[in-house]
C-alpha atoms as a PDB file:
ATOM      1  CA  MET A   1      44.687-126.660 -68.076  1.00  0.00           C
ATOM      2  CA  ASP A   2      48.135-128.315 -69.030  1.00  0.00           C
ATOM      3  CA  ARG A   3      48.865-127.609 -72.440  1.00  0.00           C
ATOM      4  CA  ARG A   4      49.884-131.140 -73.097  1.00  0.00           C
ATOM      5  CA  ILE A   5      46.792-132.923 -71.560  1.00  0.00           C
ATOM      6  CA  ALA A   6      44.643-130.691 -73.722  1.00  0.00           C
ATOM      7  CA  ILE A   7      46.791-131.729 -76.722  1.00  0.00           C
ATOM      8  CA  LYS A   8      46.331-135.841 -76.060  1.00  0.00           C
ATOM      9  CA  ASN A   9      42.831-135.469 -75.163  1.00  0.00           C
ATOM     10  CA  THR A  10      42.082-133.615 -78.377  1.00  0.00           C
ATOM     11  CA  ALA A  11      44.198-136.623 -80.405  1.00  0.00           C
ATOM     12  CA  LEU A  12      41.963-138.957 -78.564  1.00  0.00           C
ATOM     13  CA  LEU A  13      38.708-137.140 -79.561  1.00  0.00           C
ATOM     14  CA  ILE A  14      39.727-136.999 -82.962  1.00  0.00           C
ATOM     15  CA  GLY A  15      40.783-140.759 -82.946  1.00  0.00           C
ATOM     16  CA  ALA A  16      37.544-141.909 -81.672  1.00  0.00           C
ATOM     17  CA  THR A  17      35.400-139.821 -83.816  1.00  0.00           C
ATOM     18  CA  LEU A  18      37.180-141.022 -87.071  1.00  0.00           C
ATOM     19  CA  GLY A  19      36.611-144.703 -86.131  1.00  0.00           C
ATOM     20  CA  SER A  20      37.714-147.832 -87.974  1.00  0.00           C
ATOM     21  CA  SER A  21      35.472-147.606 -91.075  1.00  0.00           C
ATOM     22  CA  THR A  22      36.593-144.148 -91.934  1.00  0.00           C
ATOM     23  CA  LEU A  23      40.449-144.952 -91.357  1.00  0.00           C
ATOM     24  CA  THR A  24      39.829-148.219 -93.598  1.00  0.00           C
ATOM     25  CA  GLY A  25      38.181-146.107 -96.273  1.00  0.00           C
ATOM     26  CA  LEU A  26      41.178-143.771 -96.621  1.00  0.00           C
ATOM     27  CA  LEU A  27      43.695-146.372 -96.695  1.00  0.00           C
ATOM     28  CA  GLN A  28      41.547-148.001 -99.452  1.00  0.00           C
ATOM     29  CA  SER A  29      41.476-144.550-101.213  1.00  0.00           C
ATOM     30  CA  CYS A  30      45.475-144.556-101.174  1.00  0.00           C
ATOM     31  CA  GLN A  31      45.778-147.896-102.647  1.00  0.00           C
ATOM     32  CA  ASN A  32      43.568-147.183-105.609  1.00  0.00           C
ATOM     33  CA  GLN A  33      45.237-144.036-106.679  1.00  0.00           C
ATOM     34  CA  LYS A  34      46.263-144.306-110.355  1.00  0.00           C
ATOM     35  CA  ARG A  35      49.977-143.901-111.159  1.00  0.00           C
ATOM     36  CA  ILE A  36      50.290-140.866-113.236  1.00  0.00           C
ATOM     37  CA  ASP A  37      53.608-138.576-112.575  1.00  0.00           C
ATOM     38  CA  TRP A  38      54.319-137.623-116.008  1.00  0.00           C
ATOM     39  CA  VAL A  39      52.094-135.225-118.403  1.00  0.00           C
ATOM     40  CA  PRO A  40      50.760-137.596-121.210  1.00  0.00           C
ATOM     41  CA  VAL A  41      51.791-136.329-124.837  1.00  0.00           C
ATOM     42  CA  PHE A  42      49.044-138.572-126.613  1.00  0.00           C
ATOM     43  CA  PHE A  43      46.407-139.934-124.103  1.00  0.00           C
ATOM     44  CA  THR A  44      44.395-138.445-121.687  1.00  0.00           C
ATOM     45  CA  GLY A  45      45.288-138.873-118.196  1.00  0.00           C
ATOM     46  CA  GLU A  46      42.750-141.673-117.790  1.00  0.00           C
ATOM     47  CA  GLN A  47      43.833-143.153-120.935  1.00  0.00           C
ATOM     48  CA  ALA A  48      47.522-142.918-119.624  1.00  0.00           C
ATOM     49  CA  ALA A  49      46.616-144.631-116.450  1.00  0.00           C
ATOM     50  CA  VAL A  50      44.914-147.659-118.512  1.00  0.00           C
ATOM     51  CA  VAL A  51      47.847-147.600-120.659  1.00  0.00           C
ATOM     52  CA  SER A  52      50.174-148.173-117.694  1.00  0.00           C
ATOM     53  CA  GLU A  53      48.289-150.903-116.143  1.00  0.00           C
ATOM     54  CA  ILE A  54      47.936-152.686-119.566  1.00  0.00           C
ATOM     55  CA  THR A  55      52.047-152.330-119.683  1.00  0.00           C
ATOM     56  CA  GLU A  56      52.453-153.843-116.324  1.00  0.00           C
ATOM     57  CA  MET A  57      50.035-156.677-117.186  1.00  0.00           C
ATOM     58  CA  ILE A  58      51.839-157.768-120.452  1.00  0.00           C
ATOM     59  CA  LEU A  59      55.117-157.522-118.155  1.00  0.00           C
ATOM     60  CA  PRO A  60      54.565-157.344-114.573  1.00  0.00           C
ATOM     61  CA  ARG A  61      57.167-157.203-111.804  1.00  0.00           C
ATOM     62  CA  THR A  62      59.114-160.685-111.105  1.00  0.00           C
ATOM     63  CA  GLU A  63      62.794-161.021-110.465  1.00  0.00           C
ATOM     64  CA  THR A  64      63.277-158.656-113.217  1.00  0.00           C
ATOM     65  CA  PRO A  65      61.446-155.128-113.036  1.00  0.00           C
ATOM     66  CA  GLY A  66      57.952-154.354-114.555  1.00  0.00           C
ATOM     67  CA  ALA A  67      57.140-152.275-117.081  1.00  0.00           C
ATOM     68  CA  LYS A  68      55.942-149.567-114.899  1.00  0.00           C
ATOM     69  CA  ASP A  69      59.331-149.604-113.032  1.00  0.00           C
ATOM     70  CA  LEU A  70      61.123-148.940-116.083  1.00  0.00           C
ATOM     71  CA  LYS A  71      58.428-146.307-117.205  1.00  0.00           C
ATOM     72  CA  VAL A  72      57.638-148.088-120.314  1.00  0.00           C
ATOM     73  CA  ASP A  73      54.206-146.620-120.226  1.00  0.00           C
ATOM     74  CA  ILE A  74      55.525-143.346-120.947  1.00  0.00           C
ATOM     75  CA  PHE A  75      57.606-144.502-123.906  1.00  0.00           C
ATOM     76  CA  VAL A  76      54.466-145.867-125.107  1.00  0.00           C
ATOM     77  CA  ASP A  77      52.855-142.707-124.984  1.00  0.00           C
ATOM     78  CA  LEU A  78      55.392-141.105-126.627  1.00  0.00           C
ATOM     79  CA  MET A  79      55.221-143.335-129.545  1.00  0.00           C
ATOM     80  CA  PHE A  80      51.781-142.908-130.000  1.00  0.00           C
ATOM     81  CA  GLY A  81      52.305-139.277-130.113  1.00  0.00           C
ATOM     82  CA  LYS A  82      55.303-138.800-132.311  1.00  0.00           C
ATOM     83  CA  ALA A  83      55.879-142.016-134.131  1.00  0.00           C
ATOM     84  CA  LEU A  84      52.262-142.554-135.578  1.00  0.00           C
ATOM     85  CA  SER A  85      50.659-140.896-138.498  1.00  0.00           C
ATOM     86  CA  PRO A  86      47.600-138.888-137.815  1.00  0.00           C
ATOM     87  CA  GLU A  87      45.392-141.681-139.725  1.00  0.00           C
ATOM     88  CA  ASP A  88      46.818-144.227-137.250  1.00  0.00           C
ATOM     89  CA  GLN A  89      46.369-141.939-134.629  1.00  0.00           C
ATOM     90  CA  GLU A  90      42.840-141.847-134.981  1.00  0.00           C
ATOM     91  CA  HIS A  91      42.234-145.545-135.717  1.00  0.00           C
ATOM     92  CA  VAL A  92      44.474-145.987-132.315  1.00  0.00           C
ATOM     93  CA  ARG A  93      41.649-143.364-130.666  1.00  0.00           C
ATOM     94  CA  LYS A  94      38.719-145.798-131.890  1.00  0.00           C
ATOM     95  CA  GLY A  95      40.524-148.692-130.820  1.00  0.00           C
ATOM     96  CA  TYR A  96      41.072-147.281-127.060  1.00  0.00           C
ATOM     97  CA  ASP A  97      36.879-146.314-127.260  1.00  0.00           C
ATOM     98  CA  ARG A  98      36.198-150.060-128.558  1.00  0.00           C
ATOM     99  CA  PHE A  99      38.693-151.530-125.671  1.00  0.00           C
ATOM    100  CA  GLU A 100      36.825-149.540-122.891  1.00  0.00           C
ATOM    101  CA  ALA A 101      33.548-150.901-124.458  1.00  0.00           C
ATOM    102  CA  ILE A 102      34.776-154.364-124.112  1.00  0.00           C
ATOM    103  CA  CYS A 103      35.430-153.849-120.327  1.00  0.00           C
ATOM    104  CA  GLN A 104      31.847-151.814-119.992  1.00  0.00           C
ATOM    105  CA  GLU A 105      30.011-154.953-121.857  1.00  0.00           C
ATOM    106  CA  LYS A 106      31.847-157.888-120.051  1.00  0.00           C
ATOM    107  CA  PHE A 107      31.650-156.559-116.577  1.00  0.00           C
ATOM    108  CA  ASN A 108      30.130-152.925-116.347  1.00  0.00           C
ATOM    109  CA  LYS A 109      33.309-151.333-115.005  1.00  0.00           C
ATOM    110  CA  SER A 110      36.333-149.663-116.598  1.00  0.00           C
ATOM    111  CA  PHE A 111      39.492-151.056-117.084  1.00  0.00           C
ATOM    112  CA  LEU A 112      41.109-149.581-113.810  1.00  0.00           C
ATOM    113  CA  ASP A 113      38.133-150.842-111.901  1.00  0.00           C
ATOM    114  CA  LEU A 114      38.609-154.577-112.941  1.00  0.00           C
ATOM    115  CA  GLY A 115      40.604-157.269-110.534  1.00  0.00           C
ATOM    116  CA  ASN A 116      43.509-158.865-112.015  1.00  0.00           C
ATOM    117  CA  GLU A 117      41.614-162.096-113.277  1.00  0.00           C
ATOM    118  CA  GLU A 118      39.119-159.839-115.093  1.00  0.00           C
ATOM    119  CA  ARG A 119      42.054-157.587-116.650  1.00  0.00           C
ATOM    120  CA  LYS A 120      43.422-161.100-118.056  1.00  0.00           C
ATOM    121  CA  GLU A 121      40.151-162.276-119.121  1.00  0.00           C
ATOM    122  CA  VAL A 122      39.622-158.713-121.400  1.00  0.00           C
ATOM    123  CA  LEU A 123      43.189-158.747-122.763  1.00  0.00           C
ATOM    124  CA  GLU A 124      42.729-162.467-123.586  1.00  0.00           C
ATOM    125  CA  GLN A 125      39.590-161.794-125.691  1.00  0.00           C
ATOM    126  CA  VAL A 126      41.053-158.607-127.172  1.00  0.00           C
ATOM    127  CA  GLU A 127      44.196-160.461-128.148  1.00  0.00           C
ATOM    128  CA  VAL A 128      41.928-162.936-130.076  1.00  0.00           C
ATOM    129  CA  GLU A 129      39.794-159.939-131.558  1.00  0.00           C
ATOM    130  CA  THR A 130      42.417-157.597-132.909  1.00  0.00           C
ATOM    131  CA  ASN A 131      44.391-157.698-136.106  1.00  0.00           C
ATOM    132  CA  THR A 132      48.112-158.607-136.396  1.00  0.00           C
ATOM    133  CA  PHE A 133      50.635-157.197-138.342  1.00  0.00           C
ATOM    134  CA  ASN A 134      51.641-159.032-141.763  1.00  0.00           C
ATOM    135  CA  PRO A 135      54.406-160.901-142.501  1.00  0.00           C
ATOM    136  CA  ALA A 136      57.393-158.632-143.580  1.00  0.00           C
ATOM    137  CA  VAL A 137      60.598-159.021-145.747  1.00  0.00           C
ATOM    138  CA  TRP A 138      63.309-156.440-144.826  1.00  0.00           C
ATOM    139  CA  GLY A 139      60.961-154.495-143.058  1.00  0.00           C
ATOM    140  CA  SER A 140      58.289-154.121-145.597  1.00  0.00           C
ATOM    141  CA  PRO A 141      55.127-155.859-144.913  1.00  0.00           C
ATOM    142  CA  LEU A 142      53.820-158.340-147.356  1.00  0.00           C
ATOM    143  CA  GLY A 143      50.389-157.412-148.780  1.00  0.00           C
ATOM    144  CA  LYS A 144      48.681-154.424-147.810  1.00  0.00           C
ATOM    145  CA  GLN A 145      48.636-153.793-144.040  1.00  0.00           C
ATOM    146  CA  GLU A 146      45.554-153.101-142.266  1.00  0.00           C
ATOM    147  CA  PRO A 147      45.763-150.201-139.707  1.00  0.00           C
ATOM    148  CA  ILE A 148      47.004-151.859-136.356  1.00  0.00           C
ATOM    149  CA  ASP A 149      44.365-151.717-133.318  1.00  0.00           C
ATOM    150  CA  PHE A 150      45.219-150.143-129.828  1.00  0.00           C
ATOM    151  CA  TYR A 151      45.696-153.025-127.800  1.00  0.00           C
ATOM    152  CA  ARG A 152      48.087-154.731-130.891  1.00  0.00           C
ATOM    153  CA  ARG A 153      49.995-151.207-130.576  1.00  0.00           C
ATOM    154  CA  VAL A 154      50.372-151.000-127.003  1.00  0.00           C
ATOM    155  CA  LYS A 155      51.668-154.447-126.898  1.00  0.00           C
ATOM    156  CA  GLN A 156      54.097-153.642-129.449  1.00  0.00           C
ATOM    157  CA  PHE A 157      55.316-150.518-128.182  1.00  0.00           C
ATOM    158  CA  THR A 158      55.498-152.168-124.630  1.00  0.00           C
ATOM    159  CA  LEU A 159      57.821-154.905-126.017  1.00  0.00           C
ATOM    160  CA  VAL A 160      59.950-152.548-127.726  1.00  0.00           C
ATOM    161  CA  GLY A 161      60.475-150.034-125.107  1.00  0.00           C
ATOM    162  CA  TYR A 162      61.089-152.870-122.326  1.00  0.00           C
ATOM    163  CA  PHE A 163      63.934-154.732-124.108  1.00  0.00           C
ATOM    164  CA  THR A 164      65.861-151.771-125.622  1.00  0.00           C
ATOM    165  CA  SER A 165      65.677-149.914-121.801  1.00  0.00           C
ATOM    166  CA  GLU A 166      69.167-149.797-120.730  1.00  0.00           C
ATOM    167  CA  GLU A 167      68.273-151.550-117.233  1.00  0.00           C
ATOM    168  CA  ILE A 168      67.324-154.658-119.555  1.00  0.00           C
ATOM    169  CA  GLY A 169      70.111-154.531-121.772  1.00  0.00           C
ATOM    170  CA  LYS A 170      72.948-154.060-119.285  1.00  0.00           C
ATOM    171  CA  ASN A 171      71.754-156.148-116.537  1.00  0.00           C
ATOM    172  CA  HIS A 172      69.169-158.994-117.509  1.00  0.00           C
ATOM    173  CA  LEU A 173      70.124-159.685-121.525  1.00  0.00           C
ATOM    174  CA  GLN A 174      73.056-161.264-122.721  1.00  0.00           C
ATOM    175  CA  TYR A 175      75.088-159.060-124.664  1.00  0.00           C
ATOM    176  CA  ASP A 176      76.572-160.686-127.825  1.00  0.00           C
ATOM    177  CA  PRO A 177      78.662-157.850-129.856  1.00  0.00           C
ATOM    178  CA  ILE A 178      78.443-158.226-133.549  1.00  0.00           C
ATOM    179  CA  PRO A 179      80.506-158.695-135.618  1.00  0.00           C
ATOM    180  CA  GLY A 180      82.647-159.425-132.501  1.00  0.00           C
ATOM    181  CA  ASP A 181      85.989-158.657-131.580  1.00  0.00           C
ATOM    182  CA  TYR A 182      88.957-158.034-134.053  1.00  0.00           C
ATOM    183  CA  LYS A 183      92.048-160.066-133.833  1.00  0.00           C
ATOM    184  CA  GLY A 184      94.392-158.420-135.975  1.00  0.00           C
ATOM    185  CA  CYS A 185      97.514-160.170-135.522  1.00  0.00           C
ATOM    186  CA  PHE A 186      97.758-163.861-134.288  1.00  0.00           C
ATOM    187  CA  PRO A 187     100.102-166.817-135.386  1.00  0.00           C
ATOM    188  CA  TYR A 188      98.737-168.864-138.239  1.00  0.00           C
ATOM    189  CA  ASN A 189      98.498-172.560-137.296  1.00  0.00           C
ATOM    190  CA  GLY A 190      96.648-173.971-140.327  1.00  0.00           C
ATOM    191  CA  GLU A 191      93.227-173.354-139.334  1.00  0.00           C
ATOM    192  CA  ASN A 192      90.443-172.509-141.731  1.00  0.00           C
ATOM    193  CA  SER A 193      89.489-168.717-141.932  1.00  0.00           C
ATOM    194  CA  TRP A 194      86.140-169.482-140.582  1.00  0.00           C
ATOM    195  CA  THR A 195      87.248-171.088-137.471  1.00  0.00           C
ATOM    196  CA  LEU A 196      89.238-168.172-136.273  1.00  0.00           C
END
């Protein structure tokens, strides 16, 4: 038998065996894979996937890059692992458990298994329930600051990571150097010093 014909017949047989439902299942499994391409410092792999999706819900891709495009989720994980005290880290871990419990209570699913509308509903509820930062003067909070919950910390670090990224700073925000240009020598025409 001709080798080419044998390979062709084998390919046809495999294609008929797999069927459309199997191929559909394979395609869907590829679409549902979680984006974790780094080793998290603070979170477990599944928790880091949840944080990635939260950051993308906070700052999705539009005309500008989304949070995951700029790897803000990795920044958030590093901030939790390196910038918080052990007490705050423990509070965040408990807050994460509460966050997942809310998803289970509302939809009987993990956050990763929710659709966008369901995720939005969970985030809106958590936004209302979690505590906020006390007003601050010169970086010092007024009054005693309660430990900040998981969602509020993720949101804080997401915004900091996004707006301090090189891509956003160089290409999307208007740069205004302060204190401005130095003008050493120029002719004086009677202007006030503050109009120069």
